[in-house]
PDB file of all heavy atoms in Angstrom:
ATOM      1  N   THR A   1       4.760   5.595  -9.197  1.00  0.00           N
ATOM      2  CA  THR A   1       5.023   6.833  -9.943  1.00  0.00           C
ATOM      3  C   THR A   1       5.784   7.846  -9.100  1.00  0.00           C
ATOM      4  O   THR A   1       6.551   8.654  -9.635  1.00  0.00           O
ATOM      5  CB  THR A   1       3.715   7.473 -10.443  1.00  0.00           C
ATOM      6  OG1 THR A   1       2.885   7.799  -9.306  1.00  0.00           O
ATOM      7  CG2 THR A   1       2.972   6.526 -11.361  1.00  0.00           C
ATOM      8  N   ASP A   2       5.568   7.820  -7.782  1.00  0.00           N
ATOM      9  CA  ASP A   2       6.240   8.784  -6.908  1.00  0.00           C
ATOM     10  C   ASP A   2       6.814   8.148  -5.646  1.00  0.00           C
ATOM     11  O   ASP A   2       7.283   8.848  -4.743  1.00  0.00           O
ATOM     12  CB  ASP A   2       5.283   9.922  -6.524  1.00  0.00           C
ATOM     13  CG  ASP A   2       3.980   9.411  -5.897  1.00  0.00           C
ATOM     14  OD1 ASP A   2       3.927   8.227  -5.510  1.00  0.00           O
ATOM     15  OD2 ASP A   2       3.027  10.204  -5.802  1.00  0.00           O
ATOM     16  N   SER A   3       6.775   6.790  -5.571  1.00  0.00           N
ATOM     17  CA  SER A   3       7.306   6.030  -4.425  1.00  0.00           C
ATOM     18  C   SER A   3       6.621   6.404  -3.113  1.00  0.00           C
ATOM     19  O   SER A   3       7.212   6.262  -2.039  1.00  0.00           O
ATOM     20  CB  SER A   3       8.824   6.214  -4.292  1.00  0.00           C
ATOM     21  OG  SER A   3       9.497   5.579  -5.352  1.00  0.00           O
ATOM     22  N   LYS A   4       5.379   6.851  -3.180  1.00  0.00           N
ATOM     23  CA  LYS A   4       4.633   7.141  -1.961  1.00  0.00           C
ATOM     24  C   LYS A   4       3.921   5.875  -1.473  1.00  0.00           C
ATOM     25  O   LYS A   4       3.472   5.058  -2.280  1.00  0.00           O
ATOM     26  CB  LYS A   4       3.615   8.256  -2.186  1.00  0.00           C
ATOM     27  CG  LYS A   4       4.258   9.629  -2.351  1.00  0.00           C
ATOM     28  CD  LYS A   4       3.202  10.725  -2.458  1.00  0.00           C
ATOM     29  CE  LYS A   4       3.860  12.104  -2.558  1.00  0.00           C
ATOM     30  NZ  LYS A   4       2.851  13.190  -2.673  1.00  0.00           N
ATOM     31  N   THR A   5       3.829   5.761  -0.153  1.00  0.00           N
ATOM     32  CA  THR A   5       3.245   4.579   0.473  1.00  0.00           C
ATOM     33  C   THR A   5       1.955   4.971   1.196  1.00  0.00           C
ATOM     34  O   THR A   5       1.899   6.004   1.870  1.00  0.00           O
ATOM     35  CB  THR A   5       4.236   3.954   1.467  1.00  0.00           C
ATOM     36  OG1 THR A   5       5.412   3.565   0.756  1.00  0.00           O
ATOM     37  CG2 THR A   5       3.639   2.740   2.148  1.00  0.00           C
ATOM     38  N   TYR A   6       0.942   4.112   1.050  1.00  0.00           N
ATOM     39  CA  TYR A   6      -0.347   4.363   1.683  1.00  0.00           C
ATOM     40  C   TYR A   6      -0.785   3.135   2.483  1.00  0.00           C
ATOM     41  O   TYR A   6      -0.531   1.996   2.075  1.00  0.00           O
ATOM     42  CB  TYR A   6      -1.415   4.685   0.625  1.00  0.00           C
ATOM     43  CG  TYR A   6      -1.107   5.922  -0.182  1.00  0.00           C
ATOM     44  CD1 TYR A   6      -0.297   5.846  -1.317  1.00  0.00           C
ATOM     45  CD2 TYR A   6      -1.614   7.155   0.197  1.00  0.00           C
ATOM     46  CE1 TYR A   6       0.001   6.978  -2.061  1.00  0.00           C
ATOM     47  CE2 TYR A   6      -1.322   8.299  -0.549  1.00  0.00           C
ATOM     48  CZ  TYR A   6      -0.514   8.203  -1.668  1.00  0.00           C
ATOM     49  OH  TYR A   6      -0.216   9.326  -2.389  1.00  0.00           O
ATOM     50  N   GLU A   7      -1.436   3.393   3.603  1.00  0.00           N
ATOM     51  CA  GLU A   7      -2.072   2.338   4.385  1.00  0.00           C
ATOM     52  C   GLU A   7      -3.583   2.496   4.261  1.00  0.00           C
ATOM     53  O   GLU A   7      -4.108   3.605   4.431  1.00  0.00           O
ATOM     54  CB  GLU A   7      -1.667   2.412   5.856  1.00  0.00           C
ATOM     55  CG  GLU A   7      -0.205   2.108   6.118  1.00  0.00           C
ATOM     56  CD  GLU A   7       0.145   2.180   7.595  1.00  0.00           C
ATOM     57  OE1 GLU A   7      -0.764   2.475   8.407  1.00  0.00           O
ATOM     58  OE2 GLU A   7       1.318   1.953   7.942  1.00  0.00           O
ATOM     59  N   GLY A   8      -4.245   1.379   3.992  1.00  0.00           N
ATOM     60  CA  GLY A   8      -5.688   1.428   3.863  1.00  0.00           C
ATOM     61  C   GLY A   8      -6.372   0.379   4.716  1.00  0.00           C
ATOM     62  O   GLY A   8      -5.859  -0.727   4.883  1.00  0.00           O
ATOM     63  N   VAL A   9      -7.506   0.748   5.266  1.00  0.00           N
ATOM     64  CA  VAL A   9      -8.382  -0.206   5.955  1.00  0.00           C
ATOM     65  C   VAL A   9      -9.671  -0.271   5.149  1.00  0.00           C
ATOM     66  O   VAL A   9     -10.315   0.759   4.896  1.00  0.00           O
ATOM     67  CB  VAL A   9      -8.665   0.219   7.404  1.00  0.00           C
ATOM     68  CG1 VAL A   9      -9.678  -0.735   8.046  1.00  0.00           C
ATOM     69  CG2 VAL A   9      -7.375   0.253   8.217  1.00  0.00           C
ATOM     70  N   ILE A  10     -10.012  -1.483   4.729  1.00  0.00           N
ATOM     71  CA  ILE A  10     -11.175  -1.696   3.870  1.00  0.00           C
ATOM     72  C   ILE A  10     -12.208  -2.517   4.629  1.00  0.00           C
ATOM     73  O   ILE A  10     -11.891  -3.600   5.137  1.00  0.00           O
ATOM     74  CB  ILE A  10     -10.790  -2.453   2.579  1.00  0.00           C
ATOM     75  CG1 ILE A  10      -9.528  -1.863   1.943  1.00  0.00           C
ATOM     76  CG2 ILE A  10     -11.960  -2.486   1.616  1.00  0.00           C
ATOM     77  CD1 ILE A  10      -9.647  -0.439   1.488  1.00  0.00           C
ATOM     78  N   SER A  11     -13.418  -2.009   4.724  1.00  0.00           N
ATOM     79  CA  SER A  11     -14.502  -2.787   5.321  1.00  0.00           C
ATOM     80  C   SER A  11     -15.062  -3.726   4.252  1.00  0.00           C
ATOM     81  O   SER A  11     -15.640  -3.276   3.260  1.00  0.00           O
ATOM     82  CB  SER A  11     -15.610  -1.879   5.851  1.00  0.00           C
ATOM     83  OG  SER A  11     -16.728  -2.674   6.250  1.00  0.00           O
ATOM     84  N   LEU A  12     -14.869  -5.010   4.459  1.00  0.00           N
ATOM     85  CA  LEU A  12     -15.440  -6.000   3.553  1.00  0.00           C
ATOM     86  C   LEU A  12     -16.923  -6.203   3.851  1.00  0.00           C
ATOM     87  O   LEU A  12     -17.694  -6.591   2.977  1.00  0.00           O
ATOM     88  CB  LEU A  12     -14.677  -7.312   3.675  1.00  0.00           C
ATOM     89  CG  LEU A  12     -13.205  -7.219   3.248  1.00  0.00           C
ATOM     90  CD1 LEU A  12     -12.430  -8.442   3.716  1.00  0.00           C
ATOM     91  CD2 LEU A  12     -13.098  -7.071   1.743  1.00  0.00           C
ATOM     92  N   THR A  13     -17.289  -5.920   5.080  1.00  0.00           N
ATOM     93  CA  THR A  13     -18.692  -6.043   5.476  1.00  0.00           C
ATOM     94  C   THR A  13     -19.533  -4.954   4.821  1.00  0.00           C
ATOM     95  O   THR A  13     -20.611  -5.217   4.265  1.00  0.00           O
ATOM     96  CB  THR A  13     -18.824  -5.965   7.009  1.00  0.00           C
ATOM     97  OG1 THR A  13     -18.008  -6.981   7.609  1.00  0.00           O
ATOM     98  CG2 THR A  13     -20.266  -6.161   7.447  1.00  0.00           C
ATOM     99  N   ASP A  14     -19.036  -3.707   4.865  1.00  0.00           N
ATOM    100  CA  ASP A  14     -19.781  -2.571   4.308  1.00  0.00           C
ATOM    101  C   ASP A  14     -19.324  -2.200   2.901  1.00  0.00           C
ATOM    102  O   ASP A  14     -19.876  -1.272   2.297  1.00  0.00           O
ATOM    103  CB  ASP A  14     -19.627  -1.353   5.219  1.00  0.00           C
ATOM    104  CG  ASP A  14     -20.221  -1.595   6.598  1.00  0.00           C
ATOM    105  OD1 ASP A  14     -21.175  -2.383   6.690  1.00  0.00           O
ATOM    106  OD2 ASP A  14     -19.714  -1.013   7.570  1.00  0.00           O
ATOM    107  N   GLU A  15     -18.299  -2.891   2.399  1.00  0.00           N
ATOM    108  CA  GLU A  15     -17.765  -2.672   1.052  1.00  0.00           C
ATOM    109  C   GLU A  15     -17.386  -1.211   0.821  1.00  0.00           C
ATOM    110  O   GLU A  15     -17.853  -0.546  -0.115  1.00  0.00           O
ATOM    111  CB  GLU A  15     -18.768  -3.153  -0.016  1.00  0.00           C
ATOM    112  CG  GLU A  15     -19.033  -4.645   0.057  1.00  0.00           C
ATOM    113  CD  GLU A  15     -19.879  -5.135  -1.101  1.00  0.00           C
ATOM    114  OE1 GLU A  15     -20.635  -4.325  -1.677  1.00  0.00           O
ATOM    115  OE2 GLU A  15     -19.765  -6.325  -1.442  1.00  0.00           O
ATOM    116  N   LYS A  16     -16.497  -0.688   1.667  1.00  0.00           N
ATOM    117  CA  LYS A  16     -16.040   0.691   1.513  1.00  0.00           C
ATOM    118  C   LYS A  16     -14.667   0.852   2.153  1.00  0.00           C
ATOM    119  O   LYS A  16     -14.233   0.026   2.973  1.00  0.00           O
ATOM    120  CB  LYS A  16     -17.029   1.664   2.139  1.00  0.00           C
ATOM    121  CG  LYS A  16     -17.121   1.577   3.659  1.00  0.00           C
ATOM    122  CD  LYS A  16     -18.100   2.619   4.206  1.00  0.00           C
ATOM    123  CE  LYS A  16     -18.124   2.588   5.741  1.00  0.00           C
ATOM    124  NZ  LYS A  16     -19.050   3.614   6.283  1.00  0.00           N
ATOM    125  N   VAL A  17     -13.976   1.918   1.768  1.00  0.00           N
ATOM    126  CA  VAL A  17     -12.693   2.271   2.378  1.00  0.00           C
ATOM    127  C   VAL A  17     -12.972   2.986   3.691  1.00  0.00           C
ATOM    128  O   VAL A  17     -13.655   4.023   3.713  1.00  0.00           O
ATOM    129  CB  VAL A  17     -11.866   3.170   1.441  1.00  0.00           C
ATOM    130  CG1 VAL A  17     -10.588   3.620   2.136  1.00  0.00           C
ATOM    131  CG2 VAL A  17     -11.542   2.440   0.143  1.00  0.00           C
ATOM    132  N   VAL A  18     -12.464   2.430   4.772  1.00  0.00           N
ATOM    133  CA  VAL A  18     -12.668   3.033   6.094  1.00  0.00           C
ATOM    134  C   VAL A  18     -11.638   4.122   6.348  1.00  0.00           C
ATOM    135  O   VAL A  18     -11.946   5.181   6.901  1.00  0.00           O
ATOM    136  CB  VAL A  18     -12.590   1.950   7.189  1.00  0.00           C
ATOM    137  CG1 VAL A  18     -12.663   2.571   8.579  1.00  0.00           C
ATOM    138  CG2 VAL A  18     -13.693   0.919   7.001  1.00  0.00           C
ATOM    139  N   SER A  19     -10.388   3.870   5.950  1.00  0.00           N
ATOM    140  CA  SER A  19      -9.340   4.876   6.118  1.00  0.00           C
ATOM    141  C   SER A  19      -8.302   4.699   5.028  1.00  0.00           C
ATOM    142  O   SER A  19      -8.097   3.586   4.522  1.00  0.00           O
ATOM    143  CB  SER A  19      -8.690   4.771   7.505  1.00  0.00           C
ATOM    144  OG  SER A  19      -7.979   3.551   7.640  1.00  0.00           O
ATOM    145  N   TRP A  20      -7.654   5.818   4.679  1.00  0.00           N
ATOM    146  CA  TRP A  20      -6.606   5.806   3.646  1.00  0.00           C
ATOM    147  C   TRP A  20      -5.580   6.858   4.047  1.00  0.00           C
ATOM    148  O   TRP A  20      -5.880   8.048   4.060  1.00  0.00           O
ATOM    149  CB  TRP A  20      -7.202   6.113   2.281  1.00  0.00           C
ATOM    150  CG  TRP A  20      -6.279   5.797   1.138  1.00  0.00           C
ATOM    151  CD1 TRP A  20      -5.489   6.666   0.450  1.00  0.00           C
ATOM    152  CD2 TRP A  20      -6.066   4.511   0.552  1.00  0.00           C
ATOM    153  NE1 TRP A  20      -4.786   6.010  -0.525  1.00  0.00           N
ATOM    154  CE2 TRP A  20      -5.123   4.683  -0.494  1.00  0.00           C
ATOM    155  CE3 TRP A  20      -6.569   3.238   0.801  1.00  0.00           C
ATOM    156  CZ2 TRP A  20      -4.688   3.628  -1.280  1.00  0.00           C
ATOM    157  CZ3 TRP A  20      -6.137   2.188   0.017  1.00  0.00           C
ATOM    158  CH2 TRP A  20      -5.204   2.382  -1.012  1.00  0.00           C
ATOM    159  N   THR A  21      -4.368   6.422   4.382  1.00  0.00           N
ATOM    160  CA  THR A  21      -3.378   7.323   4.979  1.00  0.00           C
ATOM    161  C   THR A  21      -2.060   7.249   4.233  1.00  0.00           C
ATOM    162  O   THR A  21      -1.527   6.149   4.011  1.00  0.00           O
ATOM    163  CB  THR A  21      -3.136   6.958   6.464  1.00  0.00           C
ATOM    164  OG1 THR A  21      -4.389   6.912   7.145  1.00  0.00           O
ATOM    165  CG2 THR A  21      -2.219   7.967   7.127  1.00  0.00           C
ATOM    166  N   HIS A  22      -1.534   8.409   3.869  1.00  0.00           N
ATOM    167  CA  HIS A  22      -0.191   8.467   3.301  1.00  0.00           C
ATOM    168  C   HIS A  22       0.822   8.385   4.436  1.00  0.00           C
ATOM    169  O   HIS A  22       0.734   9.129   5.413  1.00  0.00           O
ATOM    170  CB  HIS A  22       0.004   9.776   2.521  1.00  0.00           C
ATOM    171  CG  HIS A  22       1.421  10.010   2.098  1.00  0.00           C
ATOM    172  ND1 HIS A  22       2.084  11.201   2.326  1.00  0.00           N
ATOM    173  CD2 HIS A  22       2.310   9.189   1.487  1.00  0.00           C
ATOM    174  CE1 HIS A  22       3.319  11.111   1.862  1.00  0.00           C
ATOM    175  NE2 HIS A  22       3.476   9.906   1.349  1.00  0.00           N
ATOM    176  N   VAL A  23       1.776   7.471   4.315  1.00  0.00           N
ATOM    177  CA  VAL A  23       2.829   7.317   5.321  1.00  0.00           C
ATOM    178  C   VAL A  23       4.123   7.826   4.695  1.00  0.00           C
ATOM    179  O   VAL A  23       4.694   7.169   3.815  1.00  0.00           O
ATOM    180  CB  VAL A  23       2.981   5.848   5.758  1.00  0.00           C
ATOM    181  CG1 VAL A  23       3.994   5.751   6.897  1.00  0.00           C
ATOM    182  CG2 VAL A  23       1.641   5.262   6.175  1.00  0.00           C
ATOM    183  N   PRO A  24       4.603   8.988   5.096  1.00  0.00           N
ATOM    184  CA  PRO A  24       5.762   9.577   4.422  1.00  0.00           C
ATOM    185  C   PRO A  24       7.081   8.904   4.796  1.00  0.00           C
ATOM    186  O   PRO A  24       7.229   8.330   5.885  1.00  0.00           O
ATOM    187  CB  PRO A  24       5.739  11.035   4.907  1.00  0.00           C
ATOM    188  CG  PRO A  24       5.067  10.979   6.239  1.00  0.00           C
ATOM    189  CD  PRO A  24       4.047   9.864   6.146  1.00  0.00           C
ATOM    190  N   ASP A  25       8.032   8.971   3.874  1.00  0.00           N
ATOM    191  CA  ASP A  25       9.433   8.600   4.120  1.00  0.00           C
ATOM    192  C   ASP A  25       9.610   7.153   4.558  1.00  0.00           C
ATOM    193  O   ASP A  25      10.442   6.848   5.420  1.00  0.00           O
ATOM    194  CB  ASP A  25      10.047   9.537   5.179  1.00  0.00           C
ATOM    195  CG  ASP A  25       9.949  11.001   4.787  1.00  0.00           C
ATOM    196  OD1 ASP A  25      10.109  11.301   3.592  1.00  0.00           O
ATOM    197  OD2 ASP A  25       9.677  11.830   5.679  1.00  0.00           O
ATOM    198  N   VAL A  26       8.839   6.239   3.961  1.00  0.00           N
ATOM    199  CA  VAL A  26       9.017   4.815   4.256  1.00  0.00           C
ATOM    200  C   VAL A  26       9.039   4.037   2.945  1.00  0.00           C
ATOM    201  O   VAL A  26       8.562   4.509   1.918  1.00  0.00           O
ATOM    202  CB  VAL A  26       7.895   4.257   5.172  1.00  0.00           C
ATOM    203  CG1 VAL A  26       7.869   4.976   6.514  1.00  0.00           C
ATOM    204  CG2 VAL A  26       6.536   4.334   4.488  1.00  0.00           C
ATOM    205  N   GLN A  27       9.597   2.836   3.025  1.00  0.00           N
ATOM    206  CA  GLN A  27       9.586   1.919   1.889  1.00  0.00           C
ATOM    207  C   GLN A  27       9.034   0.575   2.354  1.00  0.00           C
ATOM    208  O   GLN A  27       9.564  -0.023   3.286  1.00  0.00           O
ATOM    209  CB  GLN A  27      10.991   1.731   1.325  1.00  0.00           C
ATOM    210  CG  GLN A  27      11.551   2.955   0.626  1.00  0.00           C
ATOM    211  CD  GLN A  27      10.771   3.342  -0.617  1.00  0.00           C
ATOM    212  OE1 GLN A  27      10.083   2.513  -1.205  1.00  0.00           O
ATOM    213  NE2 GLN A  27      10.890   4.596  -1.019  1.00  0.00           N
ATOM    214  N   PRO A  28       7.963   0.090   1.712  1.00  0.00           N
ATOM    215  CA  PRO A  28       7.465  -1.251   2.038  1.00  0.00           C
ATOM    216  C   PRO A  28       8.497  -2.320   1.686  1.00  0.00           C
ATOM    217  O   PRO A  28       9.490  -2.052   1.000  1.00  0.00           O
ATOM    218  CB  PRO A  28       6.213  -1.381   1.164  1.00  0.00           C
ATOM    219  CG  PRO A  28       5.844   0.012   0.783  1.00  0.00           C
ATOM    220  CD  PRO A  28       7.129   0.767   0.714  1.00  0.00           C
ATOM    221  N   SER A  29       8.260  -3.520   2.146  1.00  0.00           N
ATOM    222  CA  SER A  29       9.171  -4.630   1.865  1.00  0.00           C
ATOM    223  C   SER A  29       9.147  -4.966   0.370  1.00  0.00           C
ATOM    224  O   SER A  29       8.300  -4.496  -0.378  1.00  0.00           O
ATOM    225  CB  SER A  29       8.787  -5.860   2.687  1.00  0.00           C
ATOM    226  OG  SER A  29       7.546  -6.376   2.247  1.00  0.00           O
ATOM    227  N   PHE A  30      10.086  -5.822  -0.035  1.00  0.00           N
ATOM    228  CA  PHE A  30      10.152  -6.213  -1.441  1.00  0.00           C
ATOM    229  C   PHE A  30       8.861  -6.920  -1.855  1.00  0.00           C
ATOM    230  O   PHE A  30       8.293  -7.703  -1.089  1.00  0.00           O
ATOM    231  CB  PHE A  30      11.320  -7.172  -1.676  1.00  0.00           C
ATOM    232  CG  PHE A  30      12.673  -6.520  -1.572  1.00  0.00           C
ATOM    233  CD1 PHE A  30      13.811  -7.299  -1.466  1.00  0.00           C
ATOM    234  CD2 PHE A  30      12.820  -5.150  -1.591  1.00  0.00           C
ATOM    235  CE1 PHE A  30      15.067  -6.714  -1.367  1.00  0.00           C
ATOM    236  CE2 PHE A  30      14.069  -4.554  -1.502  1.00  0.00           C
ATOM    237  CZ  PHE A  30      15.198  -5.337  -1.391  1.00  0.00           C
ATOM    238  N   LEU A  31       8.441  -6.635  -3.067  1.00  0.00           N
ATOM    239  CA  LEU A  31       7.308  -7.336  -3.645  1.00  0.00           C
ATOM    240  C   LEU A  31       7.803  -8.604  -4.324  1.00  0.00           C
ATOM    241  O   LEU A  31       8.907  -8.643  -4.883  1.00  0.00           O
ATOM    242  CB  LEU A  31       6.596  -6.444  -4.663  1.00  0.00           C
ATOM    243  CG  LEU A  31       6.107  -5.085  -4.141  1.00  0.00           C
ATOM    244  CD1 LEU A  31       5.624  -4.217  -5.291  1.00  0.00           C
ATOM    245  CD2 LEU A  31       5.004  -5.279  -3.117  1.00  0.00           C
ATOM    246  N   PHE A  32       6.978  -9.624  -4.310  1.00  0.00           N
ATOM    247  CA  PHE A  32       7.361 -10.914  -4.869  1.00  0.00           C
ATOM    248  C   PHE A  32       7.803 -10.768  -6.328  1.00  0.00           C
ATOM    249  O   PHE A  32       8.785 -11.368  -6.765  1.00  0.00           O
ATOM    250  CB  PHE A  32       6.180 -11.885  -4.746  1.00  0.00           C
ATOM    251  CG  PHE A  32       6.516 -13.310  -5.062  1.00  0.00           C
ATOM    252  CD1 PHE A  32       7.316 -14.056  -4.221  1.00  0.00           C
ATOM    253  CD2 PHE A  32       6.032 -13.904  -6.217  1.00  0.00           C
ATOM    254  CE1 PHE A  32       7.630 -15.372  -4.514  1.00  0.00           C
ATOM    255  CE2 PHE A  32       6.346 -15.219  -6.520  1.00  0.00           C
ATOM    256  CZ  PHE A  32       7.142 -15.953  -5.660  1.00  0.00           C
ATOM    257  N   GLU A  33       7.100  -9.929  -7.073  1.00  0.00           N
ATOM    258  CA  GLU A  33       7.396  -9.774  -8.493  1.00  0.00           C
ATOM    259  C   GLU A  33       8.713  -9.047  -8.742  1.00  0.00           C
ATOM    260  O   GLU A  33       9.317  -9.178  -9.816  1.00  0.00           O
ATOM    261  CB  GLU A  33       6.264  -9.002  -9.181  1.00  0.00           C
ATOM    262  CG  GLU A  33       4.916  -9.703  -9.160  1.00  0.00           C
ATOM    263  CD  GLU A  33       4.169  -9.524  -7.849  1.00  0.00           C
ATOM    264  OE1 GLU A  33       4.665  -8.796  -6.945  1.00  0.00           O
ATOM    265  OE2 GLU A  33       3.092 -10.114  -7.705  1.00  0.00           O
ATOM    266  N   GLU A  34       9.142  -8.255  -7.776  1.00  0.00           N
ATOM    267  CA  GLU A  34      10.353  -7.462  -7.971  1.00  0.00           C
ATOM    268  C   GLU A  34      11.612  -8.316  -8.064  1.00  0.00           C
ATOM    269  O   GLU A  34      12.618  -7.871  -8.629  1.00  0.00           O
ATOM    270  CB  GLU A  34      10.496  -6.433  -6.846  1.00  0.00           C
ATOM    271  CG  GLU A  34       9.471  -5.317  -6.931  1.00  0.00           C
ATOM    272  CD  GLU A  34       9.507  -4.374  -5.754  1.00  0.00           C
ATOM    273  OE1 GLU A  34       9.934  -4.799  -4.657  1.00  0.00           O
ATOM    274  OE2 GLU A  34       9.093  -3.202  -5.908  1.00  0.00           O
ATOM    275  N   TYR A  35      11.570  -9.530  -7.532  1.00  0.00           N
ATOM    276  CA  TYR A  35      12.740 -10.414  -7.588  1.00  0.00           C
ATOM    277  C   TYR A  35      13.127 -10.690  -9.043  1.00  0.00           C
ATOM    278  O   TYR A  35      14.279 -10.516  -9.445  1.00  0.00           O
ATOM    279  CB  TYR A  35      12.442 -11.729  -6.874  1.00  0.00           C
ATOM    280  CG  TYR A  35      12.412 -11.630  -5.371  1.00  0.00           C
ATOM    281  CD1 TYR A  35      11.402 -10.917  -4.719  1.00  0.00           C
ATOM    282  CD2 TYR A  35      13.369 -12.248  -4.585  1.00  0.00           C
ATOM    283  CE1 TYR A  35      11.361 -10.816  -3.344  1.00  0.00           C
ATOM    284  CE2 TYR A  35      13.345 -12.156  -3.198  1.00  0.00           C
ATOM    285  CZ  TYR A  35      12.340 -11.436  -2.583  1.00  0.00           C
ATOM    286  OH  TYR A  35      12.313 -11.332  -1.217  1.00  0.00           O
ATOM    287  N   SER A  36      12.157 -11.142  -9.835  1.00  0.00           N
ATOM    288  CA  SER A  36      12.453 -11.481 -11.228  1.00  0.00           C
ATOM    289  C   SER A  36      12.633 -10.229 -12.077  1.00  0.00           C
ATOM    290  O   SER A  36      13.457 -10.210 -13.000  1.00  0.00           O
ATOM    291  CB  SER A  36      11.341 -12.362 -11.809  1.00  0.00           C
ATOM    292  OG  SER A  36      10.081 -11.727 -11.697  1.00  0.00           O
ATOM    293  N   GLU A  37      11.886  -9.157 -11.760  1.00  0.00           N
ATOM    294  CA  GLU A  37      12.022  -7.922 -12.527  1.00  0.00           C
ATOM    295  C   GLU A  37      13.410  -7.318 -12.349  1.00  0.00           C
ATOM    296  O   GLU A  37      14.023  -6.831 -13.315  1.00  0.00           O
ATOM    297  CB  GLU A  37      10.944  -6.924 -12.095  1.00  0.00           C
ATOM    298  CG  GLU A  37       9.522  -7.347 -12.487  1.00  0.00           C
ATOM    299  CD  GLU A  37       8.465  -6.427 -11.898  1.00  0.00           C
ATOM    300  OE1 GLU A  37       8.844  -5.390 -11.299  1.00  0.00           O
ATOM    301  OE2 GLU A  37       7.270  -6.732 -12.035  1.00  0.00           O
ATOM    302  N   LEU A  38      13.923  -7.348 -11.133  1.00  0.00           N
ATOM    303  CA  LEU A  38      15.264  -6.819 -10.878  1.00  0.00           C
ATOM    304  C   LEU A  38      16.313  -7.623 -11.638  1.00  0.00           C
ATOM    305  O   LEU A  38      17.246  -7.059 -12.230  1.00  0.00           O
ATOM    306  CB  LEU A  38      15.554  -6.824  -9.378  1.00  0.00           C
ATOM    307  CG  LEU A  38      16.955  -6.399  -8.947  1.00  0.00           C
ATOM    308  CD1 LEU A  38      16.924  -5.562  -7.684  1.00  0.00           C
ATOM    309  CD2 LEU A  38      17.860  -7.615  -8.711  1.00  0.00           C
TER     310      LEU A  38
END
């Protein structure tokens, strides 16, 4: 919706989000689905 990117660390042991960080001014790599959608 706004092209913002977030990094998250999830504890699978404790079943909770350990950290959630907005990383400004970056673009993640292509998503597999974007190939056919494009």
